[in-house]
Amino acid sequence: MSNLPSITLNNGVVMPQLGFGVWQVPDDEATATVATALEAGYRSIDTAAIYENEVGTGKALASSGIAREELFVTTKMWNSATETWTREGVLREFDASLDRLGLDYVDLYLIHWPRAMRDDYVTVYRTLVEIAAEGRAKAIGVSNFKRPQLERVIADTSVVPAVNQIELHPNFPQAELRAFHAEQGIATEAWSPLGQGRGLLEDATLARVAAKHGKSPAQVVLRWHLQLGNVAIPKSATPSRIRENIDLAGFELDADDLTAIAGLDTGTRVGPDPDDFDWN
């Protein structure tokens, strides 16, 4: 197993700082892909109901031979119908995810998107608070929430999310939101930490930093995340890249490197703006 660092969430739960994401991995390939990640040393696996690969992911976890307490499993709630965003609907969605994963509990359960225009995410979050109180989710949080939605759930429930999983990479570093997270004790988790293959890893600046350290651009970006204090969940279906992405020991970015990478901030998203995203 790797010796990658962990962070302690605001409720005392320990979470690996580097995890493995399974977005866009088909369910019939998820078992083999997740098994490769576990063999490489990953212990944190991030899935979601909408990925439709919780079954395959669960099979890999069950057959891994790794003790459950050594694994950190995240899944997220997605709803395609308005009526699901009720207490009863949330409980049904959570139970269905547990069943597909074959688990008695998850380590982290997230609201996948706030749907801020519908103004019903507080009801969902209150139900997540109940699930956590029962111990069926060791920690709860949100994904794609901006500051106003975070402030609202904190004010209405007095329970600060343990994690906010957001789009975050050198082209879109989200400094203001990360600073707010730090003030509130919310861990920042980056989805698309490598920029989703939209040209970030071909950038000449990253190539220079990578050459300096004898590492790949992807390894440099992931080390950047770790040094910022972010949790990152890179995704790959290629075994060699799965192993490369976790091989981050033995080097550290210096001040010049960090300044160079800061210059890559374009304020450009690769995914949708949460203020506008609704899937109905």
Protein backbone atom coordinates (compact mmCIF):
# COMPACT_ATOMS: atom_id res chain seq x y z
CA MET A 1 0.00 0.00 0.00
CA SER A 2 1.17 3.55 -0.80
CA ASN A 3 2.19 5.99 1.89
CA LEU A 4 0.16 8.88 0.52
CA PRO A 5 -1.06 11.42 3.06
CA SER A 6 -4.52 11.58 4.58
CA ILE A 7 -6.56 14.44 5.96
CA THR A 8 -8.84 14.48 8.99
CA LEU A 9 -12.36 15.68 8.24
CA ASN A 10 -14.25 18.03 10.54
CA ASN A 11 -15.95 15.11 12.31
CA GLY A 12 -12.70 13.23 12.95
CA VAL A 13 -12.99 10.78 10.05
CA VAL A 14 -9.68 10.19 8.26
CA MET A 15 -9.78 10.38 4.45
CA PRO A 16 -6.97 9.55 2.02
CA GLN A 17 -5.85 12.65 0.15
CA LEU A 18 -5.62 10.80 -3.16
CA GLY A 19 -8.48 8.62 -4.32
CA PHE A 20 -9.55 6.85 -7.48
CA GLY A 21 -12.52 8.10 -9.49
CA VAL A 22 -14.66 5.83 -11.64
CA TRP A 23 -16.65 8.39 -13.66
CA GLN A 24 -17.35 7.04 -17.17
CA VAL A 25 -16.12 3.54 -16.30
CA PRO A 26 -18.79 1.10 -17.54
CA ASP A 27 -20.19 -1.20 -14.87
CA ASP A 28 -18.94 -4.32 -16.64
CA GLU A 29 -15.40 -2.87 -16.59
CA ALA A 30 -15.53 -1.33 -13.12
CA THR A 31 -14.63 -4.49 -11.25
CA ALA A 32 -11.36 -4.98 -13.12
CA THR A 33 -10.52 -1.26 -13.15
CA VAL A 34 -11.13 -0.77 -9.43
CA ALA A 35 -9.23 -3.98 -8.69
CA THR A 36 -6.23 -2.56 -10.57
CA ALA A 37 -6.47 0.65 -8.55
CA LEU A 38 -6.62 -1.25 -5.26
CA GLU A 39 -3.64 -3.37 -6.27
CA ALA A 40 -1.73 -0.16 -7.09
CA GLY A 41 -2.33 1.11 -3.56
CA TYR A 42 -5.45 3.25 -3.73
CA ARG A 43 -7.74 2.84 -0.75
CA SER A 44 -10.26 5.59 -1.51
CA ILE A 45 -12.77 4.92 -4.31
CA ASP A 46 -15.20 7.57 -5.56
CA THR A 47 -18.36 6.56 -7.41
CA ALA A 48 -21.92 7.88 -7.78
CA ALA A 49 -25.40 6.64 -8.54
CA ILE A 50 -25.42 8.38 -11.94
CA TYR A 51 -22.20 6.61 -12.97
CA GLU A 52 -24.16 3.34 -13.01
CA ASN A 53 -21.12 1.38 -11.87
CA GLU A 54 -21.77 0.93 -8.16
CA VAL A 55 -22.40 -2.80 -8.68
CA GLY A 56 -19.09 -3.40 -10.42
CA THR A 57 -17.27 -1.20 -7.95
CA GLY A 58 -18.77 -3.11 -5.04
CA LYS A 59 -17.69 -6.44 -6.52
CA ALA A 60 -14.09 -5.22 -6.69
CA LEU A 61 -14.20 -4.06 -3.08
CA ALA A 62 -15.68 -7.38 -1.93
CA SER A 63 -13.14 -9.52 -3.78
CA SER A 64 -10.10 -7.40 -2.92
CA GLY A 65 -9.29 -9.11 0.37
CA ILE A 66 -8.77 -5.67 1.90
CA ALA A 67 -10.41 -5.13 5.29
CA ARG A 68 -13.43 -2.84 5.09
CA GLU A 69 -11.96 -0.46 7.66
CA GLU A 70 -8.96 0.11 5.37
CA LEU A 71 -11.19 1.29 2.52
CA PHE A 72 -12.77 4.70 2.06
CA VAL A 73 -15.83 4.54 -0.20
CA THR A 74 -17.66 7.62 -1.50
CA THR A 75 -20.87 7.69 -3.47
CA LYS A 76 -23.23 10.49 -4.42
CA MET A 77 -26.96 10.99 -4.76
CA TRP A 78 -28.40 11.89 -8.14
CA ASN A 79 -32.07 12.49 -8.74
CA SER A 80 -33.86 12.68 -12.05
CA ALA A 81 -37.29 13.37 -10.62
CA THR A 82 -38.36 16.26 -8.42
CA GLU A 83 -40.31 14.01 -6.07
CA THR A 84 -37.10 12.21 -5.14
CA TRP A 85 -35.93 15.34 -3.32
CA THR A 86 -37.93 14.50 -0.23
CA ARG A 87 -36.76 12.85 2.97
CA GLU A 88 -38.28 9.53 1.91
CA GLY A 89 -36.83 9.82 -1.59
CA VAL A 90 -33.35 10.54 -0.29
CA LEU A 91 -33.50 7.54 2.05
CA ARG A 92 -34.59 5.33 -0.85
CA GLU A 93 -31.73 6.60 -3.02
CA PHE A 94 -29.20 6.02 -0.25
CA ASP A 95 -30.46 2.50 0.46
CA ALA A 96 -30.31 1.68 -3.25
CA SER A 97 -26.68 2.80 -3.45
CA LEU A 98 -25.74 0.72 -0.41
CA ASP A 99 -27.47 -2.29 -1.96
CA ARG A 100 -25.67 -1.88 -5.29
CA LEU A 101 -22.32 -1.47 -3.54
CA GLY A 102 -23.00 -4.43 -1.25
CA LEU A 103 -22.02 -2.39 1.80
CA ASP A 104 -23.49 -1.72 5.23
CA TYR A 105 -22.19 1.85 5.21
CA VAL A 106 -20.25 4.31 3.09
CA ASP A 107 -17.46 6.49 4.35
CA LEU A 108 -18.71 9.60 2.57
CA TYR A 109 -22.09 10.42 1.04
CA LEU A 110 -22.53 13.53 -1.08
CA ILE A 111 -25.30 15.50 -2.75
CA HIS A 112 -24.06 15.43 -6.34
CA TRP A 113 -25.42 18.81 -7.50
CA PRO A 114 -27.33 21.50 -5.58
CA ARG A 115 -29.95 22.37 -8.24
CA ALA A 116 -29.93 25.81 -6.64
CA MET A 117 -32.74 27.05 -8.88
CA ARG A 118 -35.10 24.50 -7.30
CA ASP A 119 -34.37 25.51 -3.70
CA ASP A 120 -34.78 22.02 -2.26
CA TYR A 121 -31.22 21.01 -1.43
CA VAL A 122 -31.65 21.85 2.28
CA THR A 123 -34.28 19.11 2.62
CA VAL A 124 -31.82 16.67 1.08
CA TYR A 125 -28.98 17.75 3.34
CA ARG A 126 -31.13 17.44 6.47
CA THR A 127 -31.76 13.83 5.51
CA LEU A 128 -28.05 13.23 5.03
CA VAL A 129 -27.57 14.51 8.58
CA GLU A 130 -29.99 11.77 9.74
CA ILE A 131 -28.10 9.12 7.76
CA ALA A 132 -24.83 10.19 9.36
CA ALA A 133 -26.37 10.14 12.84
CA GLU A 134 -27.30 6.49 12.24
CA GLY A 135 -23.71 5.67 11.26
CA ARG A 136 -24.64 4.51 7.79
CA ALA A 137 -22.45 7.26 6.33
CA LYS A 138 -19.33 8.02 8.34
CA ALA A 139 -19.23 11.52 6.89
CA ILE A 140 -21.53 13.60 4.70
CA GLY A 141 -20.96 16.46 2.35
CA VAL A 142 -21.86 18.08 -0.92
CA SER A 143 -20.57 18.41 -4.45
CA ASN A 144 -20.64 21.43 -6.76
CA PHE A 145 -21.95 23.76 -4.06
CA LYS A 146 -20.99 27.41 -4.15
CA ARG A 147 -20.64 29.64 -1.11
CA PRO A 148 -24.33 30.71 -0.89
CA GLN A 149 -25.55 27.10 -0.84
CA LEU A 150 -22.90 26.13 1.71
CA GLU A 151 -23.86 29.05 3.95
CA ARG A 152 -27.50 28.07 3.73
CA VAL A 153 -27.11 24.42 4.70
CA ILE A 154 -24.81 25.38 7.57
CA ALA A 155 -27.26 27.99 8.83
CA ASP A 156 -30.29 25.72 8.49
CA THR A 157 -28.79 22.55 10.00
CA SER A 158 -25.80 23.71 12.08
CA VAL A 159 -23.90 20.80 10.48
CA VAL A 160 -20.92 21.86 8.38
CA PRO A 161 -20.37 19.59 5.36
CA ALA A 162 -17.24 17.51 5.77
CA VAL A 163 -16.39 17.82 2.06
CA ASN A 164 -17.31 19.90 -0.96
CA GLN A 165 -16.29 18.10 -4.14
CA ILE A 166 -15.84 20.67 -6.91
CA GLU A 167 -14.23 21.09 -10.31
CA LEU A 168 -10.67 22.15 -9.55
CA HIS A 169 -7.44 22.05 -11.57
CA PRO A 170 -4.67 24.53 -12.46
CA ASN A 171 -6.84 26.23 -15.11
CA PHE A 172 -9.65 26.62 -12.55
CA PRO A 173 -8.13 26.65 -9.05
CA GLN A 174 -11.15 28.12 -7.19
CA ALA A 175 -9.02 30.10 -4.72
CA GLU A 176 -11.93 32.05 -3.18
CA LEU A 177 -14.06 28.97 -2.58
CA ARG A 178 -11.08 27.06 -1.18
CA ALA A 179 -10.44 29.93 1.24
CA PHE A 180 -14.07 29.79 2.40
CA HIS A 181 -13.79 26.04 2.87
CA ALA A 182 -10.71 26.56 5.03
CA GLU A 183 -12.54 29.12 7.19
CA GLN A 184 -15.44 26.70 7.74
CA GLY A 185 -13.46 23.47 8.15
CA ILE A 186 -14.72 21.96 4.89
CA ALA A 187 -12.31 19.73 2.98
CA THR A 188 -11.86 20.65 -0.68
CA GLU A 189 -12.05 17.67 -3.01
CA ALA A 190 -11.19 18.12 -6.69
CA TRP A 191 -13.06 16.39 -9.48
CA SER A 192 -11.41 16.49 -12.91
CA PRO A 193 -8.15 17.23 -11.07
CA LEU A 194 -6.22 16.76 -14.32
CA GLY A 195 -8.51 18.94 -16.42
CA GLN A 196 -10.37 16.11 -18.15
CA GLY A 197 -7.87 15.77 -20.98
CA ARG A 198 -8.70 19.21 -22.38
CA GLY A 199 -5.10 20.18 -23.07
CA LEU A 200 -3.88 20.96 -19.54
CA LEU A 201 -1.39 18.11 -19.48
CA GLU A 202 0.10 19.27 -22.81
CA ASP A 203 0.88 22.72 -21.40
CA ALA A 204 4.51 23.79 -21.89
CA THR A 205 4.80 25.14 -18.33
CA LEU A 206 3.79 21.81 -16.85
CA ALA A 207 6.16 20.05 -19.23
CA ARG A 208 9.06 22.15 -17.93
CA VAL A 209 8.18 21.50 -14.28
CA ALA A 210 7.74 17.80 -14.98
CA ALA A 211 11.12 17.56 -16.72
CA LYS A 212 12.77 19.34 -13.79
CA HIS A 213 11.54 16.63 -11.40
CA GLY A 214 11.71 13.67 -13.74
CA LYS A 215 7.96 13.18 -13.46
CA SER A 216 4.98 13.32 -15.80
CA PRO A 217 2.75 16.42 -16.08
CA ALA A 218 -0.05 14.44 -14.44
CA GLN A 219 2.13 13.62 -11.46
CA VAL A 220 3.08 17.30 -11.16
CA VAL A 221 -0.58 18.38 -11.14
CA LEU A 222 -1.50 15.76 -8.56
CA ARG A 223 1.42 16.81 -6.35
CA TRP A 224 0.18 20.41 -6.72
CA HIS A 225 -3.22 19.30 -5.39
CA LEU A 226 -1.67 17.53 -2.42
CA GLN A 227 0.50 20.52 -1.54
CA LEU A 228 -2.52 22.84 -1.69
CA GLY A 229 -4.28 20.52 0.76
CA ASN A 230 -6.87 19.31 -1.75
CA VAL A 231 -8.23 15.79 -1.95
CA ALA A 232 -7.92 14.62 -5.57
CA ILE A 233 -9.62 11.74 -7.38
CA PRO A 234 -7.92 11.13 -10.74
CA LYS A 235 -9.61 8.70 -13.07
CA SER A 236 -8.00 6.43 -15.64
CA ALA A 237 -8.85 3.08 -17.14
CA THR A 238 -5.26 2.48 -18.25
CA PRO A 239 -3.33 0.33 -15.73
CA SER A 240 -0.01 2.10 -16.33
CA ARG A 241 -1.57 5.50 -15.72
CA ILE A 242 -3.44 4.25 -12.67
CA ARG A 243 -0.08 3.23 -11.21
CA GLU A 244 1.67 6.42 -12.36
CA ASN A 245 -0.94 8.69 -10.78
CA ILE A 246 -0.37 7.25 -7.33
CA ASP A 247 3.44 7.34 -7.61
CA LEU A 248 3.86 10.78 -6.04
CA ALA A 249 6.47 10.07 -3.38
CA GLY A 250 10.00 11.38 -3.50
CA PHE A 251 9.46 14.84 -4.96
CA GLU A 252 7.97 18.16 -3.93
CA LEU A 253 7.14 21.30 -5.87
CA ASP A 254 9.14 24.34 -4.83
CA ALA A 255 8.06 27.98 -4.73
CA ASP A 256 9.10 28.58 -8.35
CA ASP A 257 7.08 25.57 -9.48
CA LEU A 258 4.00 26.73 -7.59
CA THR A 259 4.31 30.24 -9.02
CA ALA A 260 4.57 28.84 -12.54
CA ILE A 261 1.50 26.65 -12.06
CA ALA A 262 -0.45 29.58 -10.58
CA GLY A 263 0.04 31.29 -13.93
CA LEU A 264 -2.09 28.63 -15.61
CA ASP A 265 -5.28 30.01 -14.01
CA THR A 266 -7.62 30.93 -16.87
CA GLY A 267 -10.85 30.84 -14.85
CA THR A 268 -12.14 28.30 -17.36
CA ARG A 269 -14.39 25.39 -16.41
CA VAL A 270 -14.48 22.10 -18.28
CA GLY A 271 -17.82 21.16 -16.69
CA PRO A 272 -21.11 23.02 -16.17
CA ASP A 273 -21.62 25.97 -13.86
CA PRO A 274 -23.60 24.70 -10.83
CA ASP A 275 -25.81 27.80 -10.93
CA ASP A 276 -27.17 26.73 -14.31
CA PHE A 277 -27.07 22.96 -14.14
CA ASP A 278 -30.35 21.05 -13.86
CA TRP A 279 -30.80 17.60 -15.34
CA ASN A 280 -34.61 17.50 -15.70
